[in-house]
Full PDB file with SEQRES, HELIX, SHEET, SSBOND, CRYST1, ORIGX, SCALE, CONECT and MASTER records, all heavy atoms in Angstrom:
SEQRES   1 A   37  ALA TRP ILE ALA PRO SER SER THR THR TYR SER THR ASP          
SEQRES   2 A   37  SER VAL LYS GLY ARG PHE THR ILE SER ARG ASP ASN ALA          
SEQRES   3 A   37  LYS ASN THR VAL TYR LEU GLN MET ASP SER LEU                  
HELIX    1 AA1 ASN A   25  LYS A   27  5                                   3    
SHEET    1 AA1 2 TRP A   2  ILE A   3  0                                        
SHEET    2 AA1 2 THR A   9  TYR A  10 -1                                        
SHEET    1 AA2 2 PHE A  19  ASP A  24  0                                        
SHEET    2 AA2 2 THR A  29  MET A  34 -1                                        
CRYST1    1.000    1.000    1.000  90.00  90.00  90.00 P 1           1          
ORIGX1      1.000000  0.000000  0.000000        0.00000                         
ORIGX2      0.000000  1.000000  0.000000        0.00000                         
ORIGX3      0.000000  0.000000  1.000000        0.00000                         
SCALE1      1.000000  0.000000  0.000000        0.00000                         
SCALE2      0.000000  1.000000  0.000000        0.00000                         
SCALE3      0.000000  0.000000  1.000000        0.00000                         
ATOM      1  N   ALA A   1       2.640 -17.713 -14.612  1.00  0.00           N  
ATOM      2  CA  ALA A   1       1.674 -16.867 -13.843  1.00  0.00           C  
ATOM      3  C   ALA A   1       0.317 -17.272 -14.124  1.00  0.00           C  
ATOM      4  O   ALA A   1      -0.020 -17.797 -15.176  1.00  0.00           O  
ATOM      5  CB  ALA A   1       1.924 -15.417 -14.107  1.00  0.00           C  
ATOM      6  N   TRP A   2      -0.615 -17.008 -13.108  1.00  0.00           N  
ATOM      7  CA  TRP A   2      -2.058 -17.196 -13.402  1.00  0.00           C  
ATOM      8  C   TRP A   2      -2.843 -16.071 -12.812  1.00  0.00           C  
ATOM      9  O   TRP A   2      -2.339 -15.286 -11.996  1.00  0.00           O  
ATOM     10  CB  TRP A   2      -2.565 -18.572 -12.819  1.00  0.00           C  
ATOM     11  CG  TRP A   2      -2.383 -18.846 -11.442  1.00  0.00           C  
ATOM     12  CD1 TRP A   2      -1.549 -19.805 -10.877  1.00  0.00           C  
ATOM     13  CD2 TRP A   2      -3.135 -18.290 -10.274  1.00  0.00           C  
ATOM     14  NE1 TRP A   2      -1.710 -19.809  -9.489  1.00  0.00           N  
ATOM     15  CE2 TRP A   2      -2.647 -18.959  -9.080  1.00  0.00           C  
ATOM     16  CE3 TRP A   2      -4.140 -17.345 -10.117  1.00  0.00           C  
ATOM     17  CZ2 TRP A   2      -3.133 -18.703  -7.828  1.00  0.00           C  
ATOM     18  CZ3 TRP A   2      -4.652 -17.058  -8.849  1.00  0.00           C  
ATOM     19  CH2 TRP A   2      -4.095 -17.751  -7.724  1.00  0.00           C  
ATOM     20  N   ILE A   3      -4.050 -15.927 -13.412  1.00  0.00           N  
ATOM     21  CA  ILE A   3      -4.974 -14.902 -12.915  1.00  0.00           C  
ATOM     22  C   ILE A   3      -6.359 -15.406 -12.792  1.00  0.00           C  
ATOM     23  O   ILE A   3      -6.905 -16.114 -13.704  1.00  0.00           O  
ATOM     24  CB  ILE A   3      -4.952 -13.613 -13.867  1.00  0.00           C  
ATOM     25  CG1 ILE A   3      -5.863 -12.535 -13.363  1.00  0.00           C  
ATOM     26  CG2 ILE A   3      -5.319 -13.994 -15.302  1.00  0.00           C  
ATOM     27  CD1 ILE A   3      -5.645 -11.192 -14.037  1.00  0.00           C  
ATOM     28  N   ALA A   4      -6.985 -15.217 -11.668  1.00  0.00           N  
ATOM     29  CA  ALA A   4      -8.325 -15.764 -11.369  1.00  0.00           C  
ATOM     30  C   ALA A   4      -9.342 -14.789 -11.904  1.00  0.00           C  
ATOM     31  O   ALA A   4      -9.064 -13.626 -12.269  1.00  0.00           O  
ATOM     32  CB  ALA A   4      -8.440 -15.905  -9.839  1.00  0.00           C  
ATOM     33  N   PRO A   5     -10.616 -15.272 -12.013  1.00  0.00           N  
ATOM     34  CA  PRO A   5     -11.667 -14.373 -12.433  1.00  0.00           C  
ATOM     35  C   PRO A   5     -11.830 -13.092 -11.558  1.00  0.00           C  
ATOM     36  O   PRO A   5     -12.214 -12.040 -12.076  1.00  0.00           O  
ATOM     37  CB  PRO A   5     -12.905 -15.230 -12.294  1.00  0.00           C  
ATOM     38  CG  PRO A   5     -12.425 -16.624 -12.510  1.00  0.00           C  
ATOM     39  CD  PRO A   5     -11.088 -16.638 -11.851  1.00  0.00           C  
ATOM     40  N   SER A   6     -11.422 -13.214 -10.292  1.00  0.00           N  
ATOM     41  CA  SER A   6     -11.455 -12.074  -9.373  1.00  0.00           C  
ATOM     42  C   SER A   6     -10.332 -11.105  -9.627  1.00  0.00           C  
ATOM     43  O   SER A   6     -10.237 -10.104  -8.967  1.00  0.00           O  
ATOM     44  CB  SER A   6     -11.392 -12.599  -7.957  1.00  0.00           C  
ATOM     45  OG  SER A   6     -10.161 -13.212  -7.718  1.00  0.00           O  
ATOM     46  N   SER A   7      -9.388 -11.524 -10.499  1.00  0.00           N  
ATOM     47  CA  SER A   7      -8.172 -10.785 -10.856  1.00  0.00           C  
ATOM     48  C   SER A   7      -7.066 -10.947  -9.814  1.00  0.00           C  
ATOM     49  O   SER A   7      -6.035 -10.262  -9.901  1.00  0.00           O  
ATOM     50  CB  SER A   7      -8.444  -9.246 -11.046  1.00  0.00           C  
ATOM     51  OG  SER A   7      -9.221  -9.062 -12.176  1.00  0.00           O  
ATOM     52  N   THR A   8      -7.269 -11.882  -8.884  1.00  0.00           N  
ATOM     53  CA  THR A   8      -6.119 -12.300  -8.048  1.00  0.00           C  
ATOM     54  C   THR A   8      -5.076 -12.936  -8.916  1.00  0.00           C  
ATOM     55  O   THR A   8      -5.466 -13.746  -9.849  1.00  0.00           O  
ATOM     56  CB  THR A   8      -6.601 -13.309  -7.014  1.00  0.00           C  
ATOM     57  OG1 THR A   8      -7.554 -12.685  -6.145  1.00  0.00           O  
ATOM     58  CG2 THR A   8      -5.463 -13.811  -6.164  1.00  0.00           C  
ATOM     59  N   THR A   9      -3.840 -12.677  -8.656  1.00  0.00           N  
ATOM     60  CA  THR A   9      -2.742 -13.161  -9.544  1.00  0.00           C  
ATOM     61  C   THR A   9      -1.749 -13.895  -8.719  1.00  0.00           C  
ATOM     62  O   THR A   9      -1.613 -13.738  -7.472  1.00  0.00           O  
ATOM     63  CB  THR A   9      -2.105 -12.055 -10.284  1.00  0.00           C  
ATOM     64  OG1 THR A   9      -1.429 -11.171  -9.388  1.00  0.00           O  
ATOM     65  CG2 THR A   9      -3.042 -11.324 -11.182  1.00  0.00           C  
ATOM     66  N   TYR A  10      -0.988 -14.768  -9.396  1.00  0.00           N  
ATOM     67  CA  TYR A  10       0.154 -15.447  -8.812  1.00  0.00           C  
ATOM     68  C   TYR A  10       1.239 -15.500  -9.946  1.00  0.00           C  
ATOM     69  O   TYR A  10       0.937 -15.657 -11.141  1.00  0.00           O  
ATOM     70  CB  TYR A  10      -0.217 -16.881  -8.438  1.00  0.00           C  
ATOM     71  CG  TYR A  10       1.001 -17.765  -8.240  1.00  0.00           C  
ATOM     72  CD1 TYR A  10       1.617 -17.820  -7.026  1.00  0.00           C  
ATOM     73  CD2 TYR A  10       1.464 -18.565  -9.258  1.00  0.00           C  
ATOM     74  CE1 TYR A  10       2.726 -18.604  -6.814  1.00  0.00           C  
ATOM     75  CE2 TYR A  10       2.574 -19.386  -9.077  1.00  0.00           C  
ATOM     76  CZ  TYR A  10       3.214 -19.387  -7.882  1.00  0.00           C  
ATOM     77  OH  TYR A  10       4.281 -20.196  -7.649  1.00  0.00           O  
ATOM     78  N   SER A  11       2.479 -15.372  -9.532  1.00  0.00           N  
ATOM     79  CA  SER A  11       3.588 -15.558 -10.502  1.00  0.00           C  
ATOM     80  C   SER A  11       4.713 -16.298  -9.777  1.00  0.00           C  
ATOM     81  O   SER A  11       4.905 -16.177  -8.532  1.00  0.00           O  
ATOM     82  CB  SER A  11       4.060 -14.194 -11.009  1.00  0.00           C  
ATOM     83  OG  SER A  11       4.459 -13.375  -9.958  1.00  0.00           O  
ATOM     84  N   THR A  12       5.478 -16.994 -10.533  1.00  0.00           N  
ATOM     85  CA  THR A  12       6.590 -17.806  -9.956  1.00  0.00           C  
ATOM     86  C   THR A  12       7.665 -16.870  -9.526  1.00  0.00           C  
ATOM     87  O   THR A  12       7.797 -15.722 -10.023  1.00  0.00           O  
ATOM     88  CB  THR A  12       7.123 -18.810 -10.983  1.00  0.00           C  
ATOM     89  OG1 THR A  12       7.568 -18.080 -12.111  1.00  0.00           O  
ATOM     90  CG2 THR A  12       6.054 -19.800 -11.396  1.00  0.00           C  
ATOM     91  N   ASP A  13       8.503 -17.307  -8.603  1.00  0.00           N  
ATOM     92  CA  ASP A  13       9.552 -16.480  -8.034  1.00  0.00           C  
ATOM     93  C   ASP A  13      10.503 -15.980  -9.093  1.00  0.00           C  
ATOM     94  O   ASP A  13      11.013 -14.851  -9.016  1.00  0.00           O  
ATOM     95  CB  ASP A  13      10.322 -17.270  -6.982  1.00  0.00           C  
ATOM     96  CG  ASP A  13       9.585 -17.483  -5.740  1.00  0.00           C  
ATOM     97  OD1 ASP A  13       8.503 -16.784  -5.513  1.00  0.00           O  
ATOM     98  OD2 ASP A  13       9.941 -18.363  -4.921  1.00  0.00           O  
ATOM     99  N   SER A  14      10.699 -16.800 -10.127  1.00  0.00           N  
ATOM    100  CA  SER A  14      11.703 -16.381 -11.146  1.00  0.00           C  
ATOM    101  C   SER A  14      11.264 -15.172 -11.973  1.00  0.00           C  
ATOM    102  O   SER A  14      12.096 -14.547 -12.628  1.00  0.00           O  
ATOM    103  CB  SER A  14      11.969 -17.566 -12.059  1.00  0.00           C  
ATOM    104  OG  SER A  14      10.837 -17.952 -12.766  1.00  0.00           O  
ATOM    105  N   VAL A  15       9.954 -14.868 -11.974  1.00  0.00           N  
ATOM    106  CA  VAL A  15       9.443 -13.736 -12.768  1.00  0.00           C  
ATOM    107  C   VAL A  15       8.813 -12.622 -11.943  1.00  0.00           C  
ATOM    108  O   VAL A  15       8.453 -11.587 -12.466  1.00  0.00           O  
ATOM    109  CB  VAL A  15       8.444 -14.216 -13.901  1.00  0.00           C  
ATOM    110  CG1 VAL A  15       9.128 -15.259 -14.738  1.00  0.00           C  
ATOM    111  CG2 VAL A  15       7.185 -14.679 -13.305  1.00  0.00           C  
ATOM    112  N   LYS A  16       8.659 -12.920 -10.632  1.00  0.00           N  
ATOM    113  CA  LYS A  16       8.001 -11.961  -9.716  1.00  0.00           C  
ATOM    114  C   LYS A  16       8.699 -10.605  -9.786  1.00  0.00           C  
ATOM    115  O   LYS A  16       9.915 -10.534  -9.720  1.00  0.00           O  
ATOM    116  CB  LYS A  16       7.973 -12.564  -8.341  1.00  0.00           C  
ATOM    117  CG  LYS A  16       6.957 -11.913  -7.402  1.00  0.00           C  
ATOM    118  CD  LYS A  16       6.737 -12.750  -6.181  1.00  0.00           C  
ATOM    119  CE  LYS A  16       6.080 -14.063  -6.544  1.00  0.00           C  
ATOM    120  NZ  LYS A  16       5.811 -14.948  -5.339  1.00  0.00           N  
ATOM    121  N   GLY A  17       7.862  -9.590  -9.976  1.00  0.00           N  
ATOM    122  CA  GLY A  17       8.397  -8.212 -10.018  1.00  0.00           C  
ATOM    123  C   GLY A  17       8.827  -7.820 -11.417  1.00  0.00           C  
ATOM    124  O   GLY A  17       9.078  -6.596 -11.614  1.00  0.00           O  
ATOM    125  N   ARG A  18       8.794  -8.741 -12.381  1.00  0.00           N  
ATOM    126  CA  ARG A  18       9.207  -8.425 -13.686  1.00  0.00           C  
ATOM    127  C   ARG A  18       8.021  -8.647 -14.724  1.00  0.00           C  
ATOM    128  O   ARG A  18       7.917  -7.942 -15.695  1.00  0.00           O  
ATOM    129  CB  ARG A  18      10.404  -9.286 -14.136  1.00  0.00           C  
ATOM    130  CG  ARG A  18      11.615  -9.042 -13.305  1.00  0.00           C  
ATOM    131  CD  ARG A  18      12.839  -9.816 -13.874  1.00  0.00           C  
ATOM    132  NE  ARG A  18      12.661 -11.242 -13.957  1.00  0.00           N  
ATOM    133  CZ  ARG A  18      12.707 -11.925 -15.123  1.00  0.00           C  
ATOM    134  NH1 ARG A  18      12.920 -11.356 -16.322  1.00  0.00           N  
ATOM    135  NH2 ARG A  18      12.560 -13.271 -15.092  1.00  0.00           N  
ATOM    136  N   PHE A  19       7.257  -9.702 -14.493  1.00  0.00           N  
ATOM    137  CA  PHE A  19       6.121 -10.059 -15.362  1.00  0.00           C  
ATOM    138  C   PHE A  19       4.801  -9.722 -14.634  1.00  0.00           C  
ATOM    139  O   PHE A  19       4.668  -9.961 -13.474  1.00  0.00           O  
ATOM    140  CB  PHE A  19       6.186 -11.551 -15.651  1.00  0.00           C  
ATOM    141  CG  PHE A  19       7.274 -12.020 -16.546  1.00  0.00           C  
ATOM    142  CD1 PHE A  19       8.348 -11.165 -16.821  1.00  0.00           C  
ATOM    143  CD2 PHE A  19       7.284 -13.300 -17.061  1.00  0.00           C  
ATOM    144  CE1 PHE A  19       9.431 -11.646 -17.680  1.00  0.00           C  
ATOM    145  CE2 PHE A  19       8.276 -13.743 -17.876  1.00  0.00           C  
ATOM    146  CZ  PHE A  19       9.373 -12.900 -18.141  1.00  0.00           C  
ATOM    147  N   THR A  20       3.847  -9.251 -15.468  1.00  0.00           N  
ATOM    148  CA  THR A  20       2.528  -8.921 -14.961  1.00  0.00           C  
ATOM    149  C   THR A  20       1.473  -9.590 -15.831  1.00  0.00           C  
ATOM    150  O   THR A  20       1.440  -9.349 -17.040  1.00  0.00           O  
ATOM    151  CB  THR A  20       2.290  -7.410 -14.885  1.00  0.00           C  
ATOM    152  OG1 THR A  20       3.298  -6.805 -14.051  1.00  0.00           O  
ATOM    153  CG2 THR A  20       0.915  -7.126 -14.273  1.00  0.00           C  
ATOM    154  N   ILE A  21       0.609 -10.421 -15.233  1.00  0.00           N  
ATOM    155  CA  ILE A  21      -0.495 -11.060 -16.002  1.00  0.00           C  
ATOM    156  C   ILE A  21      -1.762 -10.188 -15.815  1.00  0.00           C  
ATOM    157  O   ILE A  21      -2.022  -9.658 -14.725  1.00  0.00           O  
ATOM    158  CB  ILE A  21      -0.703 -12.477 -15.541  1.00  0.00           C  
ATOM    159  CG1 ILE A  21      -1.673 -13.193 -16.489  1.00  0.00           C  
ATOM    160  CG2 ILE A  21      -1.073 -12.576 -14.123  1.00  0.00           C  
ATOM    161  CD1 ILE A  21      -1.773 -14.725 -16.208  1.00  0.00           C  
ATOM    162  N   SER A  22      -2.539 -10.092 -16.855  1.00  0.00           N  
ATOM    163  CA  SER A  22      -3.804  -9.306 -16.833  1.00  0.00           C  
ATOM    164  C   SER A  22      -4.771  -9.984 -17.724  1.00  0.00           C  
ATOM    165  O   SER A  22      -4.427 -10.821 -18.595  1.00  0.00           O  
ATOM    166  CB  SER A  22      -3.603  -7.897 -17.141  1.00  0.00           C  
ATOM    167  OG  SER A  22      -3.135  -7.708 -18.369  1.00  0.00           O  
ATOM    168  N   ARG A  23      -6.043  -9.620 -17.629  1.00  0.00           N  
ATOM    169  CA  ARG A  23      -7.071 -10.212 -18.519  1.00  0.00           C  
ATOM    170  C   ARG A  23      -8.088  -9.123 -18.820  1.00  0.00           C  
ATOM    171  O   ARG A  23      -8.352  -8.240 -18.061  1.00  0.00           O  
ATOM    172  CB  ARG A  23      -7.711 -11.382 -17.834  1.00  0.00           C  
ATOM    173  CG  ARG A  23      -8.462 -11.053 -16.501  1.00  0.00           C  
ATOM    174  CD  ARG A  23      -8.840 -12.298 -15.712  1.00  0.00           C  
ATOM    175  NE  ARG A  23      -9.770 -13.220 -16.438  1.00  0.00           N  
ATOM    176  CZ  ARG A  23      -9.924 -14.479 -16.068  1.00  0.00           C  
ATOM    177  NH1 ARG A  23      -9.180 -15.062 -15.115  1.00  0.00           N  
ATOM    178  NH2 ARG A  23     -10.762 -15.229 -16.753  1.00  0.00           N  
ATOM    179  N   ASP A  24      -8.702  -9.324 -19.993  1.00  0.00           N  
ATOM    180  CA  ASP A  24      -9.836  -8.500 -20.446  1.00  0.00           C  
ATOM    181  C   ASP A  24     -10.914  -9.441 -20.867  1.00  0.00           C  
ATOM    182  O   ASP A  24     -10.887  -9.956 -21.992  1.00  0.00           O  
ATOM    183  CB  ASP A  24      -9.350  -7.522 -21.560  1.00  0.00           C  
ATOM    184  CG  ASP A  24     -10.449  -6.602 -21.952  1.00  0.00           C  
ATOM    185  OD1 ASP A  24     -11.644  -6.897 -21.765  1.00  0.00           O  
ATOM    186  OD2 ASP A  24     -10.146  -5.537 -22.485  1.00  0.00           O  
ATOM    187  N   ASN A  25     -11.827  -9.744 -20.014  1.00  0.00           N  
ATOM    188  CA  ASN A  25     -12.864 -10.753 -20.277  1.00  0.00           C  
ATOM    189  C   ASN A  25     -13.751 -10.309 -21.473  1.00  0.00           C  
ATOM    190  O   ASN A  25     -14.193 -11.215 -22.248  1.00  0.00           O  
ATOM    191  CB  ASN A  25     -13.733 -10.993 -19.056  1.00  0.00           C  
ATOM    192  CG  ASN A  25     -12.962 -11.722 -17.959  1.00  0.00           C  
ATOM    193  OD1 ASN A  25     -11.984 -12.348 -18.195  1.00  0.00           O  
ATOM    194  ND2 ASN A  25     -13.433 -11.584 -16.697  1.00  0.00           N  
ATOM    195  N   ALA A  26     -13.995  -9.059 -21.590  1.00  0.00           N  
ATOM    196  CA  ALA A  26     -14.825  -8.575 -22.696  1.00  0.00           C  
ATOM    197  C   ALA A  26     -14.150  -8.865 -24.057  1.00  0.00           C  
ATOM    198  O   ALA A  26     -14.884  -9.063 -25.048  1.00  0.00           O  
ATOM    199  CB  ALA A  26     -15.108  -7.106 -22.534  1.00  0.00           C  
ATOM    200  N   LYS A  27     -12.822  -8.901 -24.108  1.00  0.00           N  
ATOM    201  CA  LYS A  27     -12.127  -9.211 -25.330  1.00  0.00           C  
ATOM    202  C   LYS A  27     -11.682 -10.647 -25.424  1.00  0.00           C  
ATOM    203  O   LYS A  27     -10.984 -11.011 -26.390  1.00  0.00           O  
ATOM    204  CB  LYS A  27     -10.931  -8.242 -25.478  1.00  0.00           C  
ATOM    205  CG  LYS A  27     -11.299  -6.821 -25.640  1.00  0.00           C  
ATOM    206  CD  LYS A  27     -10.088  -5.941 -25.844  1.00  0.00           C  
ATOM    207  CE  LYS A  27     -10.527  -4.489 -26.014  1.00  0.00           C  
ATOM    208  NZ  LYS A  27      -9.288  -3.587 -26.179  1.00  0.00           N  
ATOM    209  N   ASN A  28     -12.007 -11.452 -24.379  1.00  0.00           N  
ATOM    210  CA  ASN A  28     -11.541 -12.854 -24.369  1.00  0.00           C  
ATOM    211  C   ASN A  28     -10.026 -12.945 -24.566  1.00  0.00           C  
ATOM    212  O   ASN A  28      -9.501 -13.804 -25.290  1.00  0.00           O  
ATOM    213  CB  ASN A  28     -12.206 -13.691 -25.455  1.00  0.00           C  
ATOM    214  CG  ASN A  28     -13.722 -13.878 -25.218  1.00  0.00           C  
ATOM    215  OD1 ASN A  28     -14.104 -13.893 -24.057  1.00  0.00           O  
ATOM    216  ND2 ASN A  28     -14.504 -13.890 -26.247  1.00  0.00           N  
ATOM    217  N   THR A  29      -9.323 -12.069 -23.825  1.00  0.00           N  
ATOM    218  CA  THR A  29      -7.887 -11.935 -24.031  1.00  0.00           C  
ATOM    219  C   THR A  29      -7.127 -11.916 -22.686  1.00  0.00           C  
ATOM    220  O   THR A  29      -7.622 -11.265 -21.770  1.00  0.00           O  
ATOM    221  CB  THR A  29      -7.504 -10.721 -24.867  1.00  0.00           C  
ATOM    222  OG1 THR A  29      -8.180 -10.806 -26.138  1.00  0.00           O  
ATOM    223  CG2 THR A  29      -6.021 -10.657 -25.205  1.00  0.00           C  
ATOM    224  N   VAL A  30      -6.026 -12.614 -22.644  1.00  0.00           N  
ATOM    225  CA  VAL A  30      -5.169 -12.558 -21.478  1.00  0.00           C  
ATOM    226  C   VAL A  30      -3.785 -11.993 -21.929  1.00  0.00           C  
ATOM    227  O   VAL A  30      -3.360 -12.350 -23.058  1.00  0.00           O  
ATOM    228  CB  VAL A  30      -4.969 -13.923 -20.892  1.00  0.00           C  
ATOM    229  CG1 VAL A  30      -4.081 -13.939 -19.650  1.00  0.00           C  
ATOM    230  CG2 VAL A  30      -6.281 -14.526 -20.493  1.00  0.00           C  
ATOM    231  N   TYR A  31      -3.162 -11.261 -21.080  1.00  0.00           N  
ATOM    232  CA  TYR A  31      -1.935 -10.596 -21.444  1.00  0.00           C  
ATOM    233  C   TYR A  31      -0.816 -10.973 -20.474  1.00  0.00           C  
ATOM    234  O   TYR A  31      -1.073 -11.351 -19.301  1.00  0.00           O  
ATOM    235  CB  TYR A  31      -2.048  -9.075 -21.441  1.00  0.00           C  
ATOM    236  CG  TYR A  31      -3.142  -8.577 -22.281  1.00  0.00           C  
ATOM    237  CD1 TYR A  31      -4.433  -8.264 -21.784  1.00  0.00           C  
ATOM    238  CD2 TYR A  31      -2.967  -8.338 -23.702  1.00  0.00           C  
ATOM    239  CE1 TYR A  31      -5.403  -7.777 -22.562  1.00  0.00           C  
ATOM    240  CE2 TYR A  31      -4.002  -7.889 -24.479  1.00  0.00           C  
ATOM    241  CZ  TYR A  31      -5.240  -7.578 -23.953  1.00  0.00           C  
ATOM    242  OH  TYR A  31      -6.216  -7.107 -24.780  1.00  0.00           O  
ATOM    243  N   LEU A  32       0.403 -10.882 -20.957  1.00  0.00           N  
ATOM    244  CA  LEU A  32       1.592 -11.034 -20.071  1.00  0.00           C  
ATOM    245  C   LEU A  32       2.577  -9.979 -20.472  1.00  0.00           C  
ATOM    246  O   LEU A  32       3.164  -9.992 -21.565  1.00  0.00           O  
ATOM    247  CB  LEU A  32       2.196 -12.414 -20.227  1.00  0.00           C  
ATOM    248  CG  LEU A  32       3.375 -12.671 -19.245  1.00  0.00           C  
ATOM    249  CD1 LEU A  32       2.819 -12.848 -17.833  1.00  0.00           C  
ATOM    250  CD2 LEU A  32       4.113 -14.005 -19.665  1.00  0.00           C  
ATOM    251  N   GLN A  33       2.668  -9.009 -19.598  1.00  0.00           N  
ATOM    252  CA  GLN A  33       3.656  -7.955 -19.710  1.00  0.00           C  
ATOM    253  C   GLN A  33       4.962  -8.352 -19.134  1.00  0.00           C  
ATOM    254  O   GLN A  33       5.020  -8.701 -17.951  1.00  0.00           O  
ATOM    255  CB  GLN A  33       3.171  -6.648 -19.074  1.00  0.00           C  
ATOM    256  CG  GLN A  33       4.185  -5.481 -19.132  1.00  0.00           C  
ATOM    257  CD  GLN A  33       4.350  -4.966 -20.564  1.00  0.00           C  
ATOM    258  OE1 GLN A  33       3.416  -4.806 -21.305  1.00  0.00           O  
ATOM    259  NE2 GLN A  33       5.620  -4.717 -20.905  1.00  0.00           N  
ATOM    260  N   MET A  34       5.998  -8.417 -19.942  1.00  0.00           N  
ATOM    261  CA  MET A  34       7.304  -8.931 -19.522  1.00  0.00           C  
ATOM    262  C   MET A  34       8.324  -7.799 -19.594  1.00  0.00           C  
ATOM    263  O   MET A  34       8.619  -7.288 -20.684  1.00  0.00           O  
ATOM    264  CB  MET A  34       7.719 -10.092 -20.388  1.00  0.00           C  
ATOM    265  CG  MET A  34       6.664 -11.195 -20.460  1.00  0.00           C  
ATOM    266  SD  MET A  34       7.296 -12.692 -21.282  1.00  0.00           S  
ATOM    267  CE  MET A  34       7.618 -12.045 -22.901  1.00  0.00           C  
ATOM    268  N   ASP A  35       8.821  -7.416 -18.454  1.00  0.00           N  
ATOM    269  CA  ASP A  35       9.843  -6.354 -18.352  1.00  0.00           C  
ATOM    270  C   ASP A  35      11.111  -6.906 -17.753  1.00  0.00           C  
ATOM    271  O   ASP A  35      11.157  -7.995 -17.214  1.00  0.00           O  
ATOM    272  CB  ASP A  35       9.322  -5.255 -17.454  1.00  0.00           C  
ATOM    273  CG  ASP A  35       8.086  -4.566 -17.960  1.00  0.00           C  
ATOM    274  OD1 ASP A  35       8.002  -4.343 -19.196  1.00  0.00           O  
ATOM    275  OD2 ASP A  35       7.108  -4.327 -17.148  1.00  0.00           O  
ATOM    276  N   SER A  36      12.179  -6.150 -17.975  1.00  0.00           N  
ATOM    277  CA  SER A  36      13.510  -6.584 -17.489  1.00  0.00           C  
ATOM    278  C   SER A  36      13.809  -7.991 -17.878  1.00  0.00           C  
ATOM    279  O   SER A  36      14.256  -8.841 -17.045  1.00  0.00           O  
ATOM    280  CB  SER A  36      13.549  -6.432 -15.943  1.00  0.00           C  
ATOM    281  OG  SER A  36      13.260  -5.101 -15.550  1.00  0.00           O  
ATOM    282  N   LEU A  37      13.644  -8.295 -19.116  1.00  0.00           N  
ATOM    283  CA  LEU A  37      13.808  -9.718 -19.616  1.00  0.00           C  
ATOM    284  C   LEU A  37      15.295 -10.095 -19.477  1.00  0.00           C  
ATOM    285  O   LEU A  37      16.199  -9.291 -19.679  1.00  0.00           O  
ATOM    286  CB  LEU A  37      13.330  -9.782 -21.076  1.00  0.00           C  
ATOM    287  CG  LEU A  37      11.811  -9.907 -21.229  1.00  0.00           C  
ATOM    288  CD1 LEU A  37      11.384  -9.478 -22.654  1.00  0.00           C  
ATOM    289  CD2 LEU A  37      11.357 -11.249 -20.898  1.00  0.00           C  
TER     290      LEU A  37                                                      
MASTER        0    0    0    1    4    0    0    6  289    1    0    3          
END                                                                             
């Protein structure tokens, strides 16, 4: 998955609906929430 500076996201079909990418620019951190593994 990727996330743009605008917070637009993309994820591959294999993880769509299960994984969520997010970012916190103030913390210089990117996250990947993975559910239904």
